[in-house]
Amino acid sequence: MVAKPTKGGERMVTADLASQEQLVRMIMTGVTIAIGGGLPALAIGLIAAKAMEAIGRNPEATFKIQTNMILALAFAEAIAIYSLVIALIIRFV
């Protein structure tokens, strides 16, 4: 931060470009983690709820539904991991 005198004698504090860039990086990292963690968590909950509903309707298809549910959960979790990697890239690169 740099303090610059103004006409009235008081000092106006301005942030230099590097600190503004760091601030934007921190905010974007937080937004990326929030969205990238929250939405896949919501998707995982919906997948599990619909799978349990389907198993309740047709118990004979439990194995087939459960296999597809686990595959879908893995894909949804992969999206959260991708968002973590992107957030780390934003923060440190």
N, C-alpha and C. Protein backbone atom coordinates (compact mmCIF):
# COMPACT_ATOMS: atom_id res chain seq x y z
N MET A 1 0.84 -1.17 0.00
CA MET A 1 0.00 0.00 0.00
C MET A 1 0.89 1.24 0.00
N VAL A 2 0.44 2.24 -0.69
CA VAL A 2 1.20 3.47 -0.81
C VAL A 2 0.32 4.62 -0.31
N ALA A 3 0.90 5.47 0.56
CA ALA A 3 0.17 6.64 1.05
C ALA A 3 0.57 7.84 0.21
N LYS A 4 -0.41 8.48 -0.41
CA LYS A 4 -0.15 9.65 -1.25
C LYS A 4 -0.83 10.85 -0.64
N PRO A 5 -0.12 11.98 -0.52
CA PRO A 5 -0.77 13.19 0.03
C PRO A 5 -1.76 13.78 -0.97
N THR A 6 -2.84 14.33 -0.47
CA THR A 6 -3.84 14.99 -1.31
C THR A 6 -3.76 16.49 -1.08
N LYS A 7 -4.62 17.24 -1.77
CA LYS A 7 -4.59 18.70 -1.66
C LYS A 7 -4.90 19.19 -0.26
N GLY A 8 -5.78 18.51 0.45
CA GLY A 8 -6.18 18.94 1.78
C GLY A 8 -5.18 18.57 2.86
N GLY A 9 -4.13 17.85 2.54
CA GLY A 9 -3.13 17.48 3.52
C GLY A 9 -3.29 16.07 4.06
N GLU A 10 -4.51 15.51 3.97
CA GLU A 10 -4.66 14.14 4.47
C GLU A 10 -4.04 13.16 3.48
N ARG A 11 -3.76 12.01 3.98
CA ARG A 11 -3.12 11.01 3.13
C ARG A 11 -4.16 10.01 2.62
N MET A 12 -4.09 9.71 1.35
CA MET A 12 -4.97 8.73 0.74
C MET A 12 -4.15 7.46 0.51
N VAL A 13 -4.66 6.35 1.01
CA VAL A 13 -3.94 5.07 0.89
C VAL A 13 -4.47 4.35 -0.34
N THR A 14 -3.56 3.99 -1.21
CA THR A 14 -3.94 3.23 -2.40
C THR A 14 -3.17 1.92 -2.41
N ALA A 15 -3.81 0.88 -2.90
CA ALA A 15 -3.16 -0.42 -3.00
C ALA A 15 -2.42 -0.50 -4.32
N ASP A 16 -1.24 -1.05 -4.27
CA ASP A 16 -0.50 -1.21 -5.50
C ASP A 16 -1.07 -2.39 -6.30
N LEU A 17 -0.62 -2.53 -7.51
CA LEU A 17 -1.17 -3.52 -8.42
C LEU A 17 -0.95 -4.95 -7.94
N ALA A 18 0.18 -5.22 -7.31
CA ALA A 18 0.48 -6.58 -6.85
C ALA A 18 -0.49 -7.01 -5.74
N SER A 19 -0.80 -6.11 -4.81
CA SER A 19 -1.71 -6.50 -3.72
C SER A 19 -3.14 -6.64 -4.24
N GLN A 20 -3.51 -5.84 -5.22
CA GLN A 20 -4.84 -6.00 -5.82
C GLN A 20 -4.95 -7.34 -6.52
N GLU A 21 -3.87 -7.73 -7.20
CA GLU A 21 -3.88 -9.03 -7.88
C GLU A 21 -3.99 -10.17 -6.86
N GLN A 22 -3.28 -10.05 -5.75
CA GLN A 22 -3.37 -11.08 -4.71
C GLN A 22 -4.77 -11.15 -4.13
N LEU A 23 -5.40 -10.01 -3.94
CA LEU A 23 -6.77 -9.97 -3.41
C LEU A 23 -7.73 -10.67 -4.37
N VAL A 24 -7.62 -10.37 -5.65
CA VAL A 24 -8.49 -11.01 -6.65
C VAL A 24 -8.24 -12.51 -6.70
N ARG A 25 -6.97 -12.91 -6.59
CA ARG A 25 -6.65 -14.35 -6.59
C ARG A 25 -7.29 -15.04 -5.39
N MET A 26 -7.22 -14.43 -4.21
CA MET A 26 -7.80 -15.03 -3.01
C MET A 26 -9.32 -15.14 -3.14
N ILE A 27 -9.96 -14.10 -3.65
CA ILE A 27 -11.41 -14.13 -3.81
C ILE A 27 -11.82 -15.19 -4.82
N MET A 28 -11.12 -15.25 -5.94
CA MET A 28 -11.46 -16.24 -6.97
C MET A 28 -11.19 -17.67 -6.49
N THR A 29 -10.15 -17.85 -5.68
CA THR A 29 -9.90 -19.16 -5.11
C THR A 29 -11.05 -19.59 -4.22
N GLY A 30 -11.52 -18.68 -3.38
CA GLY A 30 -12.64 -18.98 -2.50
C GLY A 30 -13.92 -19.28 -3.27
N VAL A 31 -14.19 -18.50 -4.30
CA VAL A 31 -15.39 -18.72 -5.11
C VAL A 31 -15.31 -20.07 -5.83
N THR A 32 -14.14 -20.39 -6.34
CA THR A 32 -13.96 -21.66 -7.04
C THR A 32 -14.19 -22.84 -6.11
N ILE A 33 -13.63 -22.77 -4.91
CA ILE A 33 -13.82 -23.85 -3.94
C ILE A 33 -15.28 -23.93 -3.50
N ALA A 34 -15.91 -22.79 -3.27
CA ALA A 34 -17.30 -22.79 -2.81
C ALA A 34 -18.24 -23.41 -3.84
N ILE A 35 -18.12 -22.96 -5.08
CA ILE A 35 -19.00 -23.48 -6.13
C ILE A 35 -18.59 -24.91 -6.49
N GLY A 36 -17.28 -25.14 -6.61
CA GLY A 36 -16.79 -26.46 -7.01
C GLY A 36 -16.97 -27.52 -5.95
N GLY A 37 -17.17 -27.14 -4.71
CA GLY A 37 -17.44 -28.11 -3.66
C GLY A 37 -18.92 -28.24 -3.36
N GLY A 38 -19.64 -27.15 -3.46
CA GLY A 38 -21.06 -27.16 -3.11
C GLY A 38 -21.95 -27.85 -4.13
N LEU A 39 -21.74 -27.54 -5.38
CA LEU A 39 -22.60 -28.13 -6.42
C LEU A 39 -22.40 -29.64 -6.58
N PRO A 40 -21.17 -30.14 -6.58
CA PRO A 40 -21.04 -31.60 -6.61
C PRO A 40 -21.63 -32.28 -5.36
N ALA A 41 -21.54 -31.62 -4.21
CA ALA A 41 -22.16 -32.19 -3.00
C ALA A 41 -23.67 -32.29 -3.16
N LEU A 42 -24.26 -31.26 -3.75
CA LEU A 42 -25.70 -31.29 -4.02
C LEU A 42 -26.03 -32.41 -5.02
N ALA A 43 -25.20 -32.54 -6.05
CA ALA A 43 -25.43 -33.60 -7.04
C ALA A 43 -25.31 -34.98 -6.42
N ILE A 44 -24.34 -35.17 -5.54
CA ILE A 44 -24.17 -36.47 -4.88
C ILE A 44 -25.40 -36.79 -4.03
N GLY A 45 -25.91 -35.80 -3.33
CA GLY A 45 -27.12 -36.02 -2.54
C GLY A 45 -28.32 -36.39 -3.39
N LEU A 46 -28.48 -35.70 -4.51
CA LEU A 46 -29.61 -36.01 -5.40
C LEU A 46 -29.46 -37.40 -6.03
N ILE A 47 -28.23 -37.75 -6.42
CA ILE A 47 -27.99 -39.08 -7.01
C ILE A 47 -28.35 -40.17 -6.00
N ALA A 48 -27.87 -40.01 -4.78
CA ALA A 48 -28.14 -41.03 -3.76
C ALA A 48 -29.63 -41.10 -3.44
N ALA A 49 -30.29 -39.96 -3.37
CA ALA A 49 -31.73 -39.96 -3.06
C ALA A 49 -32.53 -40.66 -4.15
N LYS A 50 -32.22 -40.36 -5.40
CA LYS A 50 -32.94 -41.01 -6.50
C LYS A 50 -32.63 -42.50 -6.59
N ALA A 51 -31.40 -42.88 -6.26
CA ALA A 51 -31.07 -44.30 -6.27
C ALA A 51 -31.83 -45.04 -5.18
N MET A 52 -31.91 -44.46 -4.01
CA MET A 52 -32.66 -45.11 -2.92
C MET A 52 -34.14 -45.21 -3.26
N GLU A 53 -34.64 -44.17 -3.92
CA GLU A 53 -36.04 -44.18 -4.36
C GLU A 53 -36.28 -45.30 -5.38
N ALA A 54 -35.34 -45.46 -6.31
CA ALA A 54 -35.47 -46.50 -7.33
C ALA A 54 -35.36 -47.89 -6.71
N ILE A 55 -34.46 -48.05 -5.75
CA ILE A 55 -34.33 -49.35 -5.08
C ILE A 55 -35.59 -49.66 -4.28
N GLY A 56 -36.18 -48.64 -3.69
CA GLY A 56 -37.43 -48.84 -2.95
C GLY A 56 -38.57 -49.29 -3.86
N ARG A 57 -38.58 -48.81 -5.08
CA ARG A 57 -39.63 -49.20 -6.02
C ARG A 57 -39.40 -50.58 -6.61
N ASN A 58 -38.12 -50.91 -6.85
CA ASN A 58 -37.79 -52.17 -7.52
C ASN A 58 -36.60 -52.82 -6.82
N PRO A 59 -36.83 -53.52 -5.72
CA PRO A 59 -35.72 -54.11 -4.96
C PRO A 59 -34.91 -55.15 -5.73
N GLU A 60 -35.49 -55.76 -6.74
CA GLU A 60 -34.77 -56.77 -7.51
C GLU A 60 -33.62 -56.16 -8.32
N ALA A 61 -33.72 -54.89 -8.63
CA ALA A 61 -32.70 -54.22 -9.44
C ALA A 61 -31.65 -53.51 -8.60
N THR A 62 -31.54 -53.89 -7.34
CA THR A 62 -30.63 -53.21 -6.42
C THR A 62 -29.19 -53.20 -6.92
N PHE A 63 -28.69 -54.35 -7.37
CA PHE A 63 -27.30 -54.43 -7.81
C PHE A 63 -27.03 -53.52 -9.00
N LYS A 64 -27.93 -53.53 -9.97
CA LYS A 64 -27.75 -52.71 -11.16
C LYS A 64 -27.83 -51.22 -10.82
N ILE A 65 -28.79 -50.84 -9.99
CA ILE A 65 -28.94 -49.43 -9.59
C ILE A 65 -27.74 -48.98 -8.77
N GLN A 66 -27.31 -49.84 -7.84
CA GLN A 66 -26.19 -49.48 -6.97
C GLN A 66 -24.90 -49.30 -7.77
N THR A 67 -24.67 -50.14 -8.75
CA THR A 67 -23.48 -50.01 -9.59
C THR A 67 -23.49 -48.68 -10.34
N ASN A 68 -24.62 -48.35 -10.95
CA ASN A 68 -24.73 -47.09 -11.68
C ASN A 68 -24.63 -45.89 -10.74
N MET A 69 -25.16 -46.02 -9.53
CA MET A 69 -25.09 -44.93 -8.56
C MET A 69 -23.64 -44.66 -8.16
N ILE A 70 -22.90 -45.71 -7.89
CA ILE A 70 -21.50 -45.53 -7.48
C ILE A 70 -20.69 -44.90 -8.61
N LEU A 71 -20.94 -45.29 -9.84
CA LEU A 71 -20.26 -44.68 -10.99
C LEU A 71 -20.60 -43.19 -11.10
N ALA A 72 -21.87 -42.85 -10.94
CA ALA A 72 -22.29 -41.45 -11.01
C ALA A 72 -21.70 -40.65 -9.85
N LEU A 73 -21.62 -41.24 -8.67
CA LEU A 73 -21.01 -40.56 -7.52
C LEU A 73 -19.53 -40.28 -7.78
N ALA A 74 -18.85 -41.21 -8.41
CA ALA A 74 -17.43 -41.02 -8.72
C ALA A 74 -17.24 -39.87 -9.70
N PHE A 75 -18.11 -39.78 -10.71
CA PHE A 75 -18.01 -38.67 -11.66
C PHE A 75 -18.29 -37.33 -10.99
N ALA A 76 -19.28 -37.29 -10.11
CA ALA A 76 -19.60 -36.04 -9.41
C ALA A 76 -18.45 -35.64 -8.48
N GLU A 77 -17.84 -36.60 -7.82
CA GLU A 77 -16.72 -36.31 -6.94
C GLU A 77 -15.51 -35.84 -7.73
N ALA A 78 -15.34 -36.37 -8.93
CA ALA A 78 -14.22 -35.94 -9.78
C ALA A 78 -14.34 -34.47 -10.13
N ILE A 79 -15.55 -33.98 -10.31
CA ILE A 79 -15.74 -32.55 -10.59
C ILE A 79 -15.26 -31.70 -9.42
N ALA A 80 -15.52 -32.15 -8.21
CA ALA A 80 -15.05 -31.42 -7.02
C ALA A 80 -13.53 -31.43 -6.96
N ILE A 81 -12.92 -32.54 -7.31
CA ILE A 81 -11.45 -32.61 -7.31
C ILE A 81 -10.87 -31.70 -8.39
N TYR A 82 -11.51 -31.65 -9.56
CA TYR A 82 -11.06 -30.74 -10.61
C TYR A 82 -11.13 -29.29 -10.14
N SER A 83 -12.18 -28.93 -9.44
CA SER A 83 -12.30 -27.55 -8.96
C SER A 83 -11.23 -27.23 -7.93
N LEU A 84 -10.85 -28.21 -7.11
CA LEU A 84 -9.75 -28.01 -6.16
C LEU A 84 -8.45 -27.74 -6.91
N VAL A 85 -8.19 -28.51 -7.95
CA VAL A 85 -6.97 -28.31 -8.74
C VAL A 85 -6.99 -26.94 -9.40
N ILE A 86 -8.11 -26.53 -9.94
CA ILE A 86 -8.21 -25.21 -10.57
C ILE A 86 -8.00 -24.11 -9.53
N ALA A 87 -8.57 -24.27 -8.34
CA ALA A 87 -8.39 -23.27 -7.28
C ALA A 87 -6.92 -23.17 -6.88
N LEU A 88 -6.24 -24.28 -6.79
CA LEU A 88 -4.80 -24.25 -6.46
C LEU A 88 -3.99 -23.58 -7.56
N ILE A 89 -4.37 -23.81 -8.81
CA ILE A 89 -3.68 -23.15 -9.92
C ILE A 89 -3.91 -21.65 -9.85
N ILE A 90 -5.15 -21.23 -9.59
CA ILE A 90 -5.45 -19.80 -9.48
C ILE A 90 -4.64 -19.18 -8.35
N ARG A 91 -4.54 -19.87 -7.24
CA ARG A 91 -3.87 -19.33 -6.06
C ARG A 91 -2.37 -19.23 -6.22
N PHE A 92 -1.73 -20.25 -6.79
CA PHE A 92 -0.27 -20.31 -6.76
C PHE A 92 0.43 -20.05 -8.10
N VAL A 93 -0.31 -19.93 -9.18
CA VAL A 93 0.37 -19.71 -10.48
C VAL A 93 0.14 -18.29 -10.94
